[in-house]
Amino acid sequence: MTRPPATLIRTGKCVVRCAARLPSLFRLARELSPAGFTAEQTSELDDVRRRIAAGLVRRLRREVATALGLRLGALRPKRFSAHGCGPVSLHDDKLRFPGVYFVIVVVHAGRLGIVDHRSRAARHAPGEILLLDPYLRHALVPAGRTAREHPYERTHSPVRDADDQFMFLCFDVMRPALRRRFLGGRHAPARGSAHRRRARE
C-alpha cells in the first residue's frame, strides 16, 4: 500500500554554527513585534527580518543546505523570512503559498509542536530543521495534544507567555526540489528529539 505524503518531516538535524544567534533573535522579536505572536495566526516578522544581517542569512543557508543535502540554489535569500505565532488550529496554507515547501529552522518553540491531523505533538528543539508541506493540514499545539484536542481560540489575541510562543525562520523552496522526500513519507519519529550534527560548509 502506498504511504500518504508526509505533512511534516522531522529531519533529525539542527543548525549548529548559527545556533548561538537564535536566542537573541527571539528576544529581538519580542521587543520589536510583541503583537507578532498571535493565537490562530502566523505573522511575518518584517521588522526582525530587516535586522537579520545578510552574513547570517548566508551562513544559515549554507548550513541548512549541507545538512539536508540540497543544492545551495534551492534556498534563495529572496525567499527567506521570519515568522511568529501562538498556538494554531488545523489549517492549510495552499492558497497563500502556492508552489513551495517550507524549510524551517526553529528559533523558539516553547511547549509547542507541529502536527498533522493524526499525530500527537512533541516539542521542537531550538535550531531544529523541519520540512513542512503547506498544502496539507497542520496545526501548532501544546506537546502531548492532537490537533483535534486543541480548542480554537476565537479572539485571535496576542500571546504573551513565551511557552506559548513559536518563532521560526523559513526558506520557501520550490516543490520539485523536495517532492521525492515528501512523497516517500520520510518522517523522523514524531517523538524523537533532533540530534545535533556539525554541518560542513
Protein backbone atom coordinates (compact mmCIF):
# COMPACT_ATOMS: atom_id res chain seq x y z
CA MET A 1 0.00 0.00 0.00
CA THR A 2 1.34 3.45 -0.92
CA ARG A 3 2.12 5.61 2.08
CA PRO A 4 0.38 9.00 2.16
CA PRO A 5 2.57 12.04 1.54
CA ALA A 6 4.25 13.44 4.62
CA THR A 7 2.92 16.68 6.09
CA LEU A 8 5.88 17.28 8.41
CA ILE A 9 9.34 15.76 8.18
CA ARG A 10 11.45 15.99 11.31
CA THR A 11 14.85 15.69 9.72
CA GLY A 12 16.74 14.85 12.91
CA LYS A 13 19.15 17.70 12.13
CA CYS A 14 19.81 21.03 13.79
CA VAL A 15 21.81 24.06 12.81
CA VAL A 16 24.97 24.24 14.88
CA ARG A 17 27.12 27.11 13.69
CA CYS A 18 24.21 29.56 13.64
CA ALA A 19 22.55 28.26 16.80
CA ALA A 20 24.12 30.83 19.13
CA ARG A 21 22.26 33.63 17.33
CA LEU A 22 18.79 32.18 17.81
CA PRO A 23 18.08 33.29 21.42
CA SER A 24 18.92 36.90 20.57
CA LEU A 25 16.60 36.77 17.55
CA PHE A 26 13.75 35.62 19.77
CA ARG A 27 14.44 38.40 22.26
CA LEU A 28 14.51 40.90 19.39
CA ALA A 29 11.18 39.63 18.09
CA ARG A 30 9.54 40.02 21.49
CA GLU A 31 10.92 43.56 21.71
CA LEU A 32 10.11 44.74 18.17
CA SER A 33 6.94 42.74 17.45
CA PRO A 34 5.16 41.97 20.73
CA ALA A 35 1.89 41.57 18.81
CA GLY A 36 3.53 39.24 16.28
CA PHE A 37 2.79 36.15 18.37
CA THR A 38 -0.95 35.73 17.87
CA ALA A 39 -3.20 32.76 18.51
CA GLU A 40 -4.55 31.16 15.33
CA GLN A 41 -2.41 33.32 13.06
CA THR A 42 1.16 33.24 11.78
CA SER A 43 2.67 36.70 11.29
CA GLU A 44 5.63 37.59 9.13
CA LEU A 45 8.08 39.50 11.35
CA ASP A 46 9.28 42.07 8.84
CA ASP A 47 10.98 44.29 11.43
CA VAL A 48 13.00 41.32 12.65
CA ARG A 49 13.84 40.17 9.12
CA ARG A 50 15.27 43.60 8.32
CA ARG A 51 17.57 43.33 11.35
CA ILE A 52 18.99 39.93 10.36
CA ALA A 53 22.40 40.52 8.80
CA ALA A 54 22.99 39.25 5.27
CA GLY A 55 26.03 37.34 6.56
CA LEU A 56 23.88 35.35 8.97
CA VAL A 57 21.42 34.51 6.19
CA ARG A 58 24.33 33.27 4.02
CA ARG A 59 25.75 31.12 6.84
CA LEU A 60 22.33 29.71 7.70
CA ARG A 61 21.64 28.95 4.04
CA ARG A 62 24.91 27.05 3.65
CA GLU A 63 24.44 25.12 6.87
CA VAL A 64 20.86 24.08 6.09
CA ALA A 65 21.68 23.13 2.51
CA THR A 66 24.59 20.96 3.67
CA ALA A 67 22.54 19.32 6.44
CA LEU A 68 19.75 18.42 4.01
CA GLY A 69 21.91 17.57 1.00
CA LEU A 70 20.26 20.28 -1.11
CA ARG A 71 21.74 22.44 -3.82
CA LEU A 72 22.56 25.84 -2.38
CA GLY A 73 20.48 27.42 -5.15
CA ALA A 74 17.34 25.74 -3.82
CA LEU A 75 17.46 28.04 -0.77
CA ARG A 76 17.01 31.51 -2.20
CA PRO A 77 17.77 34.50 0.03
CA LYS A 78 14.81 36.35 -1.50
CA ARG A 79 12.52 33.56 -0.24
CA PHE A 80 13.84 33.80 3.34
CA SER A 81 11.57 35.13 6.09
CA ALA A 82 11.00 35.24 9.85
CA HIS A 83 7.65 34.34 11.45
CA GLY A 84 5.96 34.24 14.82
CA CYS A 85 2.69 32.84 16.18
CA GLY A 86 0.91 31.33 19.13
CA PRO A 87 -0.96 28.02 19.05
CA VAL A 88 -2.75 27.48 15.71
CA SER A 89 -5.57 25.06 14.96
CA LEU A 90 -5.71 22.69 12.00
CA HIS A 91 -5.41 24.53 8.66
CA ASP A 92 -3.54 24.57 5.36
CA ASP A 93 -1.69 27.35 3.53
CA LYS A 94 -2.04 26.17 -0.06
CA LEU A 95 -3.60 29.38 -1.37
CA ARG A 96 -1.15 31.66 0.43
CA PHE A 97 1.99 29.76 -0.58
CA PRO A 98 1.50 28.06 -3.97
CA GLY A 99 4.28 26.00 -5.46
CA VAL A 100 6.55 25.68 -2.43
CA TYR A 101 7.51 23.57 0.54
CA PHE A 102 8.79 25.16 3.76
CA VAL A 103 12.29 24.55 5.10
CA ILE A 104 12.02 25.73 8.70
CA VAL A 105 14.64 26.48 11.33
CA VAL A 106 13.04 26.66 14.77
CA VAL A 107 14.14 29.73 16.73
CA HIS A 108 11.92 29.21 19.79
CA ALA A 109 9.20 26.64 20.34
CA GLY A 110 8.21 26.89 24.00
CA ARG A 111 5.94 23.93 24.72
CA LEU A 112 4.53 23.77 21.18
CA GLY A 113 4.86 21.23 18.37
CA ILE A 114 3.69 21.00 14.76
CA VAL A 115 1.30 18.12 13.99
CA ASP A 116 -0.81 16.81 11.13
CA HIS A 117 -4.41 15.64 11.63
CA ARG A 118 -3.27 12.28 13.05
CA SER A 119 -0.22 12.99 15.20
CA ARG A 120 0.34 13.94 18.82
CA ALA A 121 2.56 16.98 19.31
CA ALA A 122 6.12 16.81 20.58
CA ARG A 123 8.29 19.82 21.38
CA HIS A 124 10.83 21.12 18.90
CA ALA A 125 14.39 21.98 19.84
CA PRO A 126 15.80 25.43 19.03
CA GLY A 127 17.75 25.11 15.78
CA GLU A 128 15.81 22.03 14.64
CA ILE A 129 15.39 21.81 10.86
CA LEU A 130 11.89 20.85 9.73
CA LEU A 131 10.30 20.29 6.33
CA LEU A 132 6.60 21.20 6.05
CA ASP A 133 4.11 20.85 3.21
CA PRO A 134 1.81 23.90 3.42
CA TYR A 135 -0.69 22.21 1.07
CA LEU A 136 -1.65 19.69 3.77
CA ARG A 137 -3.48 20.42 7.01
CA HIS A 138 -1.27 21.02 10.03
CA ALA A 139 -1.51 22.63 13.44
CA LEU A 140 0.73 24.01 16.19
CA VAL A 141 -0.42 22.82 19.60
CA PRO A 142 0.98 22.12 23.07
CA ALA A 143 3.09 18.99 23.41
CA GLY A 144 1.03 15.90 24.11
CA ARG A 145 -2.09 17.08 22.30
CA THR A 146 -3.50 16.18 18.92
CA ALA A 147 -4.88 18.89 16.63
CA ARG A 148 -8.43 17.81 17.41
CA GLU A 149 -7.83 18.11 21.16
CA HIS A 150 -6.79 21.74 20.83
CA PRO A 151 -9.60 24.31 21.32
CA TYR A 152 -9.91 27.02 18.68
CA GLU A 153 -9.03 30.49 20.04
CA ARG A 154 -11.79 32.72 18.62
CA THR A 155 -10.36 36.09 19.70
CA HIS A 156 -7.03 35.71 17.84
CA SER A 157 -5.42 37.56 20.73
CA PRO A 158 -1.68 38.18 21.12
CA VAL A 159 0.05 35.52 23.20
CA ARG A 160 2.39 36.90 25.88
CA ASP A 161 3.71 33.74 27.58
CA ALA A 162 6.97 32.58 25.96
CA ASP A 163 5.92 28.95 26.49
CA ASP A 164 3.03 29.54 24.08
CA GLN A 165 5.05 31.48 21.51
CA PHE A 166 6.63 29.93 18.42
CA MET A 167 9.21 31.62 16.19
CA PHE A 168 10.85 30.22 13.09
CA LEU A 169 12.98 31.17 10.11
CA CYS A 170 11.82 29.86 6.76
CA PHE A 171 13.07 29.29 3.24
CA ASP A 172 10.29 28.78 0.70
CA VAL A 173 11.65 26.05 -1.59
CA MET A 174 10.15 25.20 -4.97
CA ARG A 175 8.31 21.88 -4.74
CA PRO A 176 10.36 19.88 -7.30
CA ALA A 177 13.46 20.22 -5.07
CA LEU A 178 11.81 18.32 -2.17
CA ARG A 179 8.91 16.42 -3.71
CA ARG A 180 10.54 12.98 -3.53
CA ARG A 181 11.14 13.34 0.20
CA PHE A 182 7.52 14.17 0.91
CA LEU A 183 6.05 11.58 -1.43
CA GLY A 184 8.28 8.96 0.15
CA GLY A 185 6.78 9.77 3.54
CA ARG A 186 10.24 10.07 5.06
CA HIS A 187 9.28 11.05 8.61
CA ALA A 188 11.62 11.03 11.53
CA PRO A 189 9.78 9.57 14.56
CA ALA A 190 7.47 12.26 15.93
CA ARG A 191 8.78 11.88 19.47
CA GLY A 192 12.42 11.57 18.60
CA SER A 193 14.49 14.56 19.67
CA ALA A 194 16.58 16.20 16.98
CA HIS A 195 20.26 15.43 17.31
CA ARG A 196 22.92 17.97 16.57
CA ARG A 197 25.30 17.14 13.77
CA ARG A 198 28.00 19.54 12.67
CA ALA A 199 27.49 20.54 9.04
CA ARG A 200 30.41 21.03 6.69
CA GLU A 201 30.41 24.14 4.54
